[in-house]
């Protein structure tokens, strides 16, 4: 795997990507994000209602990045750069993970976590390949008219982690499911049992907490114990549904042990 040479968190990319990390996950901390936004997380800790916390987070993001002032800008470019907030990229991912919005989110994972994408419209063979070049073009197109989108996504990840610790009582793993149509987006590393596989997932992938929903997205369903620290976003985090389905989770990639669920029809 061609890991990036650096990242912006407390653990090296090769550790986060490994199967051993998934077996014994440790907290992933983005450098300086929580420290630089102490007021946000202090205030969130004082609010009991998840819904009220979500409203406060949205308000904080709006003020910090001036998202509510997009229509007051003097030029069309300036208006678009502020209007194109983190919400646009989440919605874009929900429509198509291979869109320019998807490229920006995969690029954020590469920048912050150090895991390069392995699929974007096609299998990416390495960072010097034509496929990676096409991914980089989409990433540039998606991020050229934004206002500090990587910083917005930094806060979104840390807020997701804050909420996950609250809602799941400090659990280290969640059992999630992924529907799979073929092998193109994933690299099979090893067959470890009759229904057990070791695969390498794209640096950002969608899962669901509902097995039956996963069947809508593939001929095969994988059951995976996903480390909570590798969950970037989940659909119930914010007040209004953003992703395409209830129970959807966006998860960092790497090497995963998966259990193949047989079709009972």
C-alpha atoms as a PDB file:
ATOM      1  CA  UNK A   1       0.000   0.000   0.000  1.00  0.00           C
ATOM      2  CA  UNK A   2       1.327   3.434  -0.950  1.00  0.00           C
ATOM      3  CA  UNK A   3       0.806   5.397   2.245  1.00  0.00           C
ATOM      4  CA  UNK A   4       1.440   9.101   2.340  1.00  0.00           C
ATOM      5  CA  UNK A   5       4.749  10.122   3.867  1.00  0.00           C
ATOM      6  CA  UNK A   6       3.101  12.348   6.466  1.00  0.00           C
ATOM      7  CA  UNK A   7      -0.235  13.222   8.007  1.00  0.00           C
ATOM      8  CA  UNK A   8      -1.747  15.587  10.547  1.00  0.00           C
ATOM      9  CA  UNK A   9      -2.671  13.250  13.374  1.00  0.00           C
ATOM     10  CA  UNK A  10      -1.041  11.489  16.299  1.00  0.00           C
ATOM     11  CA  UNK A  11      -0.436   8.101  14.628  1.00  0.00           C
ATOM     12  CA  UNK A  12       1.510   7.190  11.463  1.00  0.00           C
ATOM     13  CA  UNK A  13      -0.449   6.144   8.356  1.00  0.00           C
ATOM     14  CA  UNK A  14       0.906   2.589   8.245  1.00  0.00           C
ATOM     15  CA  UNK A  15      -0.360   1.977  11.778  1.00  0.00           C
ATOM     16  CA  UNK A  16      -3.859   3.303  11.100  1.00  0.00           C
ATOM     17  CA  UNK A  17      -4.086   1.272   7.887  1.00  0.00           C
ATOM     18  CA  UNK A  18      -3.050  -2.020   9.460  1.00  0.00           C
ATOM     19  CA  UNK A  19      -5.243  -4.956  10.487  1.00  0.00           C
ATOM     20  CA  UNK A  20      -3.509  -4.879  13.865  1.00  0.00           C
ATOM     21  CA  UNK A  21      -4.784  -1.359  14.517  1.00  0.00           C
ATOM     22  CA  UNK A  22      -8.340  -2.510  13.813  1.00  0.00           C
ATOM     23  CA  UNK A  23      -7.846  -5.331  16.322  1.00  0.00           C
ATOM     24  CA  UNK A  24      -6.602  -2.889  18.966  1.00  0.00           C
ATOM     25  CA  UNK A  25      -7.716   0.626  17.978  1.00  0.00           C
ATOM     26  CA  UNK A  26      -6.364   3.760  19.624  1.00  0.00           C
ATOM     27  CA  UNK A  27      -7.812   7.284  19.533  1.00  0.00           C
ATOM     28  CA  UNK A  28      -6.967   9.292  16.415  1.00  0.00           C
ATOM     29  CA  UNK A  29      -6.410  12.960  17.233  1.00  0.00           C
ATOM     30  CA  UNK A  30      -6.085  15.637  14.567  1.00  0.00           C
ATOM     31  CA  UNK A  31      -3.284  17.948  15.570  1.00  0.00           C
ATOM     32  CA  UNK A  32      -4.469  21.139  17.259  1.00  0.00           C
ATOM     33  CA  UNK A  33      -8.148  20.860  16.303  1.00  0.00           C
ATOM     34  CA  UNK A  34      -9.687  20.240  19.732  1.00  0.00           C
ATOM     35  CA  UNK A  35      -7.169  22.525  21.441  1.00  0.00           C
ATOM     36  CA  UNK A  36      -7.893  25.334  18.994  1.00  0.00           C
ATOM     37  CA  UNK A  37     -11.654  24.957  19.464  1.00  0.00           C
ATOM     38  CA  UNK A  38     -11.806  24.380  23.215  1.00  0.00           C
ATOM     39  CA  UNK A  39     -14.909  26.539  23.632  1.00  0.00           C
ATOM     40  CA  UNK A  40     -16.857  24.378  21.177  1.00  0.00           C
ATOM     41  CA  UNK A  41     -16.132  21.097  22.937  1.00  0.00           C
ATOM     42  CA  UNK A  42     -16.527  22.590  26.421  1.00  0.00           C
ATOM     43  CA  UNK A  43     -19.960  23.864  25.480  1.00  0.00           C
ATOM     44  CA  UNK A  44     -20.954  20.588  23.801  1.00  0.00           C
ATOM     45  CA  UNK A  45     -20.060  18.777  27.001  1.00  0.00           C
ATOM     46  CA  UNK A  46     -22.547  20.932  28.901  1.00  0.00           C
ATOM     47  CA  UNK A  47     -25.493  20.131  26.587  1.00  0.00           C
ATOM     48  CA  UNK A  48     -27.470  16.955  27.320  1.00  0.00           C
ATOM     49  CA  UNK A  49     -29.581  16.744  24.159  1.00  0.00           C
ATOM     50  CA  UNK A  50     -27.934  15.359  20.974  1.00  0.00           C
ATOM     51  CA  UNK A  51     -30.267  17.521  18.889  1.00  0.00           C
ATOM     52  CA  UNK A  52     -29.289  20.677  20.749  1.00  0.00           C
ATOM     53  CA  UNK A  53     -25.612  19.758  20.425  1.00  0.00           C
ATOM     54  CA  UNK A  54     -26.053  19.387  16.656  1.00  0.00           C
ATOM     55  CA  UNK A  55     -27.703  22.802  16.391  1.00  0.00           C
ATOM     56  CA  UNK A  56     -24.915  24.367  18.445  1.00  0.00           C
ATOM     57  CA  UNK A  57     -22.270  22.712  16.247  1.00  0.00           C
ATOM     58  CA  UNK A  58     -23.923  23.991  13.067  1.00  0.00           C
ATOM     59  CA  UNK A  59     -24.153  27.491  14.532  1.00  0.00           C
ATOM     60  CA  UNK A  60     -20.496  27.387  15.592  1.00  0.00           C
ATOM     61  CA  UNK A  61     -19.412  26.302  12.102  1.00  0.00           C
ATOM     62  CA  UNK A  62     -21.562  28.997  10.527  1.00  0.00           C
ATOM     63  CA  UNK A  63     -19.961  31.743  12.619  1.00  0.00           C
ATOM     64  CA  UNK A  64     -16.372  30.437  12.522  1.00  0.00           C
ATOM     65  CA  UNK A  65     -16.335  30.056   8.728  1.00  0.00           C
ATOM     66  CA  UNK A  66     -18.874  32.835   7.985  1.00  0.00           C
ATOM     67  CA  UNK A  67     -21.138  30.331   6.230  1.00  0.00           C
ATOM     68  CA  UNK A  68     -24.233  32.406   6.975  1.00  0.00           C
ATOM     69  CA  UNK A  69     -22.778  35.423   5.154  1.00  0.00           C
ATOM     70  CA  UNK A  70     -22.378  33.867   1.703  1.00  0.00           C
ATOM     71  CA  UNK A  71     -25.092  36.075   0.135  1.00  0.00           C
ATOM     72  CA  UNK A  72     -23.412  39.247   1.424  1.00  0.00           C
ATOM     73  CA  UNK A  73     -20.230  38.787  -0.627  1.00  0.00           C
ATOM     74  CA  UNK A  74     -19.510  41.175  -3.479  1.00  0.00           C
ATOM     75  CA  UNK A  75     -18.607  38.632  -6.181  1.00  0.00           C
ATOM     76  CA  UNK A  76     -20.099  35.390  -7.438  1.00  0.00           C
ATOM     77  CA  UNK A  77     -16.843  33.538  -6.754  1.00  0.00           C
ATOM     78  CA  UNK A  78     -16.778  34.739  -3.148  1.00  0.00           C
ATOM     79  CA  UNK A  79     -20.422  33.786  -2.644  1.00  0.00           C
ATOM     80  CA  UNK A  80     -19.802  30.266  -3.966  1.00  0.00           C
ATOM     81  CA  UNK A  81     -16.645  29.778  -1.907  1.00  0.00           C
ATOM     82  CA  UNK A  82     -18.543  30.380   1.336  1.00  0.00           C
ATOM     83  CA  UNK A  83     -21.775  28.668   0.280  1.00  0.00           C
ATOM     84  CA  UNK A  84     -19.825  25.509  -0.613  1.00  0.00           C
ATOM     85  CA  UNK A  85     -19.542  24.318   2.973  1.00  0.00           C
ATOM     86  CA  UNK A  86     -18.946  20.868   4.437  1.00  0.00           C
ATOM     87  CA  UNK A  87     -22.665  20.148   3.954  1.00  0.00           C
ATOM     88  CA  UNK A  88     -22.303  20.363   0.190  1.00  0.00           C
ATOM     89  CA  UNK A  89     -19.540  17.752   0.219  1.00  0.00           C
ATOM     90  CA  UNK A  90     -21.490  15.371   2.425  1.00  0.00           C
ATOM     91  CA  UNK A  91     -24.487  15.643   0.106  1.00  0.00           C
ATOM     92  CA  UNK A  92     -22.248  15.127  -2.911  1.00  0.00           C
ATOM     93  CA  UNK A  93     -20.817  11.971  -1.365  1.00  0.00           C
ATOM     94  CA  UNK A  94     -24.339  10.738  -0.700  1.00  0.00           C
ATOM     95  CA  UNK A  95     -25.179  11.124  -4.390  1.00  0.00           C
ATOM     96  CA  UNK A  96     -21.920   9.692  -5.773  1.00  0.00           C
ATOM     97  CA  UNK A  97     -18.728   8.872  -3.898  1.00  0.00           C
ATOM     98  CA  UNK A  98     -16.812   9.239  -7.196  1.00  0.00           C
ATOM     99  CA  UNK A  99     -17.944  12.858  -7.678  1.00  0.00           C
ATOM    100  CA  UNK A 100     -15.719  15.904  -7.234  1.00  0.00           C
ATOM    101  CA  UNK A 101     -17.162  16.183  -3.720  1.00  0.00           C
ATOM    102  CA  UNK A 102     -16.111  12.599  -3.086  1.00  0.00           C
ATOM    103  CA  UNK A 103     -12.620  13.424  -4.335  1.00  0.00           C
ATOM    104  CA  UNK A 104     -12.358  16.307  -1.850  1.00  0.00           C
ATOM    105  CA  UNK A 105     -13.385  14.038   1.039  1.00  0.00           C
ATOM    106  CA  UNK A 106     -10.942  11.322  -0.034  1.00  0.00           C
ATOM    107  CA  UNK A 107      -8.296  14.022  -0.373  1.00  0.00           C
ATOM    108  CA  UNK A 108      -8.974  15.185   3.162  1.00  0.00           C
ATOM    109  CA  UNK A 109      -8.434  11.634   4.449  1.00  0.00           C
ATOM    110  CA  UNK A 110      -5.171  11.462   2.517  1.00  0.00           C
ATOM    111  CA  UNK A 111      -4.010  14.809   3.909  1.00  0.00           C
ATOM    112  CA  UNK A 112      -5.044  14.362   7.544  1.00  0.00           C
ATOM    113  CA  UNK A 113      -4.853  10.581   8.098  1.00  0.00           C
ATOM    114  CA  UNK A 114      -2.208   9.762   5.487  1.00  0.00           C
ATOM    115  CA  UNK A 115      -4.223   7.133   3.591  1.00  0.00           C
ATOM    116  CA  UNK A 116      -4.317   7.745  -0.187  1.00  0.00           C
ATOM    117  CA  UNK A 117      -7.374   6.630  -2.155  1.00  0.00           C
ATOM    118  CA  UNK A 118      -7.263   3.251  -3.853  1.00  0.00           C
ATOM    119  CA  UNK A 119     -10.373   3.881  -5.975  1.00  0.00           C
ATOM    120  CA  UNK A 120     -11.913   6.921  -7.625  1.00  0.00           C
ATOM    121  CA  UNK A 121     -13.909   6.062 -10.757  1.00  0.00           C
ATOM    122  CA  UNK A 122     -11.268   3.370 -11.331  1.00  0.00           C
ATOM    123  CA  UNK A 123      -8.716   1.376  -9.326  1.00  0.00           C
ATOM    124  CA  UNK A 124      -5.791   3.647  -8.414  1.00  0.00           C
ATOM    125  CA  UNK A 125      -2.560   1.685  -8.800  1.00  0.00           C
ATOM    126  CA  UNK A 126      -0.350   4.245  -7.068  1.00  0.00           C
ATOM    127  CA  UNK A 127       0.255   7.937  -6.547  1.00  0.00           C
ATOM    128  CA  UNK A 128       2.167   8.202  -9.846  1.00  0.00           C
ATOM    129  CA  UNK A 129      -0.562   6.575 -11.942  1.00  0.00           C
ATOM    130  CA  UNK A 130      -2.901   8.173 -14.468  1.00  0.00           C
ATOM    131  CA  UNK A 131      -5.843   7.192 -12.239  1.00  0.00           C
ATOM    132  CA  UNK A 132      -4.369   9.152  -9.327  1.00  0.00           C
ATOM    133  CA  UNK A 133      -3.841  12.130 -11.624  1.00  0.00           C
ATOM    134  CA  UNK A 134      -7.530  12.077 -12.590  1.00  0.00           C
ATOM    135  CA  UNK A 135      -8.464  11.879  -8.903  1.00  0.00           C
ATOM    136  CA  UNK A 136      -6.241  14.895  -8.182  1.00  0.00           C
ATOM    137  CA  UNK A 137      -7.992  16.882 -10.926  1.00  0.00           C
ATOM    138  CA  UNK A 138     -11.407  16.129  -9.383  1.00  0.00           C
ATOM    139  CA  UNK A 139     -10.091  17.053  -5.951  1.00  0.00           C
ATOM    140  CA  UNK A 140      -8.817  20.378  -7.285  1.00  0.00           C
ATOM    141  CA  UNK A 141     -12.104  21.102  -9.069  1.00  0.00           C
ATOM    142  CA  UNK A 142     -14.073  20.374  -5.930  1.00  0.00           C
ATOM    143  CA  UNK A 143     -11.984  22.427  -3.545  1.00  0.00           C
ATOM    144  CA  UNK A 144     -11.099  25.452  -5.691  1.00  0.00           C
ATOM    145  CA  UNK A 145     -14.187  27.421  -4.622  1.00  0.00           C
ATOM    146  CA  UNK A 146     -14.384  26.691  -0.926  1.00  0.00           C
ATOM    147  CA  UNK A 147     -13.638  28.464   2.317  1.00  0.00           C
ATOM    148  CA  UNK A 148     -11.134  26.421   4.361  1.00  0.00           C
ATOM    149  CA  UNK A 149     -12.907  23.157   3.568  1.00  0.00           C
ATOM    150  CA  UNK A 150     -10.195  20.988   5.140  1.00  0.00           C
ATOM    151  CA  UNK A 151     -10.490  22.906   8.407  1.00  0.00           C
ATOM    152  CA  UNK A 152     -14.265  22.449   8.300  1.00  0.00           C
ATOM    153  CA  UNK A 153     -13.830  18.704   7.813  1.00  0.00           C
ATOM    154  CA  UNK A 154     -11.303  18.601  10.681  1.00  0.00           C
ATOM    155  CA  UNK A 155     -13.962  19.899  13.040  1.00  0.00           C
ATOM    156  CA  UNK A 156     -16.621  17.618  11.586  1.00  0.00           C
ATOM    157  CA  UNK A 157     -14.474  14.543  12.324  1.00  0.00           C
ATOM    158  CA  UNK A 158     -13.720  15.609  15.891  1.00  0.00           C
ATOM    159  CA  UNK A 159     -17.394  16.385  16.490  1.00  0.00           C
ATOM    160  CA  UNK A 160     -18.333  12.961  15.116  1.00  0.00           C
ATOM    161  CA  UNK A 161     -15.907  11.360  17.540  1.00  0.00           C
ATOM    162  CA  UNK A 162     -17.317  13.395  20.435  1.00  0.00           C
ATOM    163  CA  UNK A 163     -20.867  12.281  19.616  1.00  0.00           C
ATOM    164  CA  UNK A 164     -19.925   8.647  19.055  1.00  0.00           C
ATOM    165  CA  UNK A 165     -18.325   8.471  22.496  1.00  0.00           C
ATOM    166  CA  UNK A 166     -21.511   9.907  23.996  1.00  0.00           C
ATOM    167  CA  UNK A 167     -23.984   7.724  22.116  1.00  0.00           C
ATOM    168  CA  UNK A 168     -22.129   4.412  22.302  1.00  0.00           C
ATOM    169  CA  UNK A 169     -20.733   4.689  25.834  1.00  0.00           C
ATOM    170  CA  UNK A 170     -17.104   4.496  24.831  1.00  0.00           C
ATOM    171  CA  UNK A 171     -17.423   1.318  22.724  1.00  0.00           C
ATOM    172  CA  UNK A 172     -14.293   0.730  20.635  1.00  0.00           C
ATOM    173  CA  UNK A 173     -16.030  -1.023  17.725  1.00  0.00           C
ATOM    174  CA  UNK A 174     -19.374  -0.937  15.951  1.00  0.00           C
ATOM    175  CA  UNK A 175     -20.707  -3.815  13.848  1.00  0.00           C
ATOM    176  CA  UNK A 176     -21.441  -2.346  10.415  1.00  0.00           C
ATOM    177  CA  UNK A 177     -22.340  -3.765   7.011  1.00  0.00           C
ATOM    178  CA  UNK A 178     -21.311  -3.006   3.452  1.00  0.00           C
ATOM    179  CA  UNK A 179     -22.923  -4.179   0.230  1.00  0.00           C
ATOM    180  CA  UNK A 180     -20.435  -5.157  -2.475  1.00  0.00           C
ATOM    181  CA  UNK A 181     -21.125  -5.671  -6.187  1.00  0.00           C
ATOM    182  CA  UNK A 182     -17.633  -6.688  -7.244  1.00  0.00           C
ATOM    183  CA  UNK A 183     -13.959  -6.693  -6.401  1.00  0.00           C
ATOM    184  CA  UNK A 184     -12.997  -3.528  -8.308  1.00  0.00           C
ATOM    185  CA  UNK A 185     -13.114  -1.139  -5.362  1.00  0.00           C
ATOM    186  CA  UNK A 186     -11.374  -3.480  -2.936  1.00  0.00           C
ATOM    187  CA  UNK A 187      -8.210  -5.497  -2.874  1.00  0.00           C
ATOM    188  CA  UNK A 188      -8.527  -9.044  -1.581  1.00  0.00           C
ATOM    189  CA  UNK A 189      -5.448  -9.702   0.544  1.00  0.00           C
ATOM    190  CA  UNK A 190      -6.202 -13.095   2.030  1.00  0.00           C
ATOM    191  CA  UNK A 191      -8.916 -15.725   2.409  1.00  0.00           C
ATOM    192  CA  UNK A 192      -8.783 -16.602   6.108  1.00  0.00           C
ATOM    193  CA  UNK A 193     -11.794 -18.938   6.367  1.00  0.00           C
ATOM    194  CA  UNK A 194     -14.927 -20.174   4.642  1.00  0.00           C
ATOM    195  CA  UNK A 195     -16.610 -16.799   5.050  1.00  0.00           C
ATOM    196  CA  UNK A 196     -13.701 -14.710   6.323  1.00  0.00           C
ATOM    197  CA  UNK A 197     -11.640 -12.386   4.175  1.00  0.00           C
ATOM    198  CA  UNK A 198      -8.905  -9.833   4.680  1.00  0.00           C
ATOM    199  CA  UNK A 199      -9.455  -6.904   2.307  1.00  0.00           C
ATOM    200  CA  UNK A 200      -8.052  -3.453   1.766  1.00  0.00           C
ATOM    201  CA  UNK A 201     -10.788  -0.834   1.642  1.00  0.00           C
ATOM    202  CA  UNK A 202     -10.656   2.521  -0.104  1.00  0.00           C
ATOM    203  CA  UNK A 203      -9.444   5.338   2.134  1.00  0.00           C
ATOM    204  CA  UNK A 204     -13.069   6.407   2.688  1.00  0.00           C
ATOM    205  CA  UNK A 205     -15.994   3.979   2.323  1.00  0.00           C
ATOM    206  CA  UNK A 206     -19.699   3.873   3.166  1.00  0.00           C
ATOM    207  CA  UNK A 207     -21.201   1.365   5.596  1.00  0.00           C
ATOM    208  CA  UNK A 208     -24.604   0.946   7.211  1.00  0.00           C
ATOM    209  CA  UNK A 209     -25.709  -0.225  10.622  1.00  0.00           C
ATOM    210  CA  UNK A 210     -28.616  -2.184   9.038  1.00  0.00           C
ATOM    211  CA  UNK A 211     -27.787  -5.513   7.389  1.00  0.00           C
ATOM    212  CA  UNK A 212     -30.965  -5.507   5.313  1.00  0.00           C
ATOM    213  CA  UNK A 213     -30.126  -2.071   3.895  1.00  0.00           C
ATOM    214  CA  UNK A 214     -26.673  -3.262   2.845  1.00  0.00           C
ATOM    215  CA  UNK A 215     -28.285  -5.754   0.436  1.00  0.00           C
ATOM    216  CA  UNK A 216     -29.597  -2.778  -1.559  1.00  0.00           C
ATOM    217  CA  UNK A 217     -26.006  -1.929  -2.499  1.00  0.00           C
ATOM    218  CA  UNK A 218     -24.497  -5.259  -3.496  1.00  0.00           C
ATOM    219  CA  UNK A 219     -24.765  -8.918  -4.362  1.00  0.00           C
ATOM    220  CA  UNK A 220     -22.650  -9.701  -1.308  1.00  0.00           C
ATOM    221  CA  UNK A 221     -22.743  -8.185   2.177  1.00  0.00           C
ATOM    222  CA  UNK A 222     -19.778  -7.872   4.496  1.00  0.00           C
ATOM    223  CA  UNK A 223     -20.088  -7.696   8.264  1.00  0.00           C
ATOM    224  CA  UNK A 224     -17.226  -5.730   9.799  1.00  0.00           C
ATOM    225  CA  UNK A 225     -16.161  -4.703  13.294  1.00  0.00           C
ATOM    226  CA  UNK A 226     -15.276  -1.080  12.551  1.00  0.00           C
ATOM    227  CA  UNK A 227     -13.165   0.835  15.078  1.00  0.00           C
ATOM    228  CA  UNK A 228     -15.172   3.821  16.290  1.00  0.00           C
ATOM    229  CA  UNK A 229     -12.094   6.021  15.903  1.00  0.00           C
ATOM    230  CA  UNK A 230     -12.149   5.345  12.138  1.00  0.00           C
ATOM    231  CA  UNK A 231     -15.694   6.679  11.656  1.00  0.00           C
ATOM    232  CA  UNK A 232     -15.513  10.051   9.930  1.00  0.00           C
ATOM    233  CA  UNK A 233     -19.253  10.825   9.863  1.00  0.00           C
ATOM    234  CA  UNK A 234     -22.622   9.154  10.428  1.00  0.00           C
ATOM    235  CA  UNK A 235     -26.024  10.167   9.155  1.00  0.00           C
ATOM    236  CA  UNK A 236     -27.689  10.733  12.530  1.00  0.00           C
ATOM    237  CA  UNK A 237     -25.017  13.239  13.578  1.00  0.00           C
ATOM    238  CA  UNK A 238     -26.734  16.347  12.201  1.00  0.00           C
ATOM    239  CA  UNK A 239     -30.399  17.434  12.413  1.00  0.00           C
ATOM    240  CA  UNK A 240     -31.311  16.857   8.755  1.00  0.00           C
ATOM    241  CA  UNK A 241     -30.574  13.634   6.866  1.00  0.00           C
ATOM    242  CA  UNK A 242     -27.648  14.278   4.522  1.00  0.00           C
ATOM    243  CA  UNK A 243     -26.487  10.912   3.259  1.00  0.00           C
ATOM    244  CA  UNK A 244     -28.580   8.611   1.088  1.00  0.00           C
ATOM    245  CA  UNK A 245     -29.771   6.231   3.774  1.00  0.00           C
ATOM    246  CA  UNK A 246     -30.630   5.887   7.434  1.00  0.00           C
ATOM    247  CA  UNK A 247     -27.855   4.293   9.442  1.00  0.00           C
ATOM    248  CA  UNK A 248     -25.073   5.256   7.012  1.00  0.00           C
ATOM    249  CA  UNK A 249     -21.495   5.646   8.251  1.00  0.00           C
ATOM    250  CA  UNK A 250     -18.418   6.968   6.436  1.00  0.00           C
ATOM    251  CA  UNK A 251     -15.329   5.008   7.472  1.00  0.00           C
ATOM    252  CA  UNK A 252     -11.568   5.375   6.998  1.00  0.00           C
ATOM    253  CA  UNK A 253     -10.004   2.570   4.984  1.00  0.00           C
ATOM    254  CA  UNK A 254      -7.088   0.186   5.390  1.00  0.00           C
ATOM    255  CA  UNK A 255      -6.917  -3.544   6.040  1.00  0.00           C
ATOM    256  CA  UNK A 256     -10.155  -5.021   7.378  1.00  0.00           C
ATOM    257  CA  UNK A 257     -11.213  -8.493   8.413  1.00  0.00           C
ATOM    258  CA  UNK A 258     -14.669  -9.037   6.908  1.00  0.00           C
ATOM    259  CA  UNK A 259     -17.267 -11.744   7.318  1.00  0.00           C
ATOM    260  CA  UNK A 260     -19.241 -12.614   4.189  1.00  0.00           C
ATOM    261  CA  UNK A 261     -22.974 -12.813   4.913  1.00  0.00           C
ATOM    262  CA  UNK A 262     -24.705 -15.429   2.739  1.00  0.00           C
ATOM    263  CA  UNK A 263     -27.890 -14.534   0.890  1.00  0.00           C
ATOM    264  CA  UNK A 264     -30.840 -16.406   2.415  1.00  0.00           C
ATOM    265  CA  UNK A 265     -33.280 -15.860  -0.464  1.00  0.00           C
END
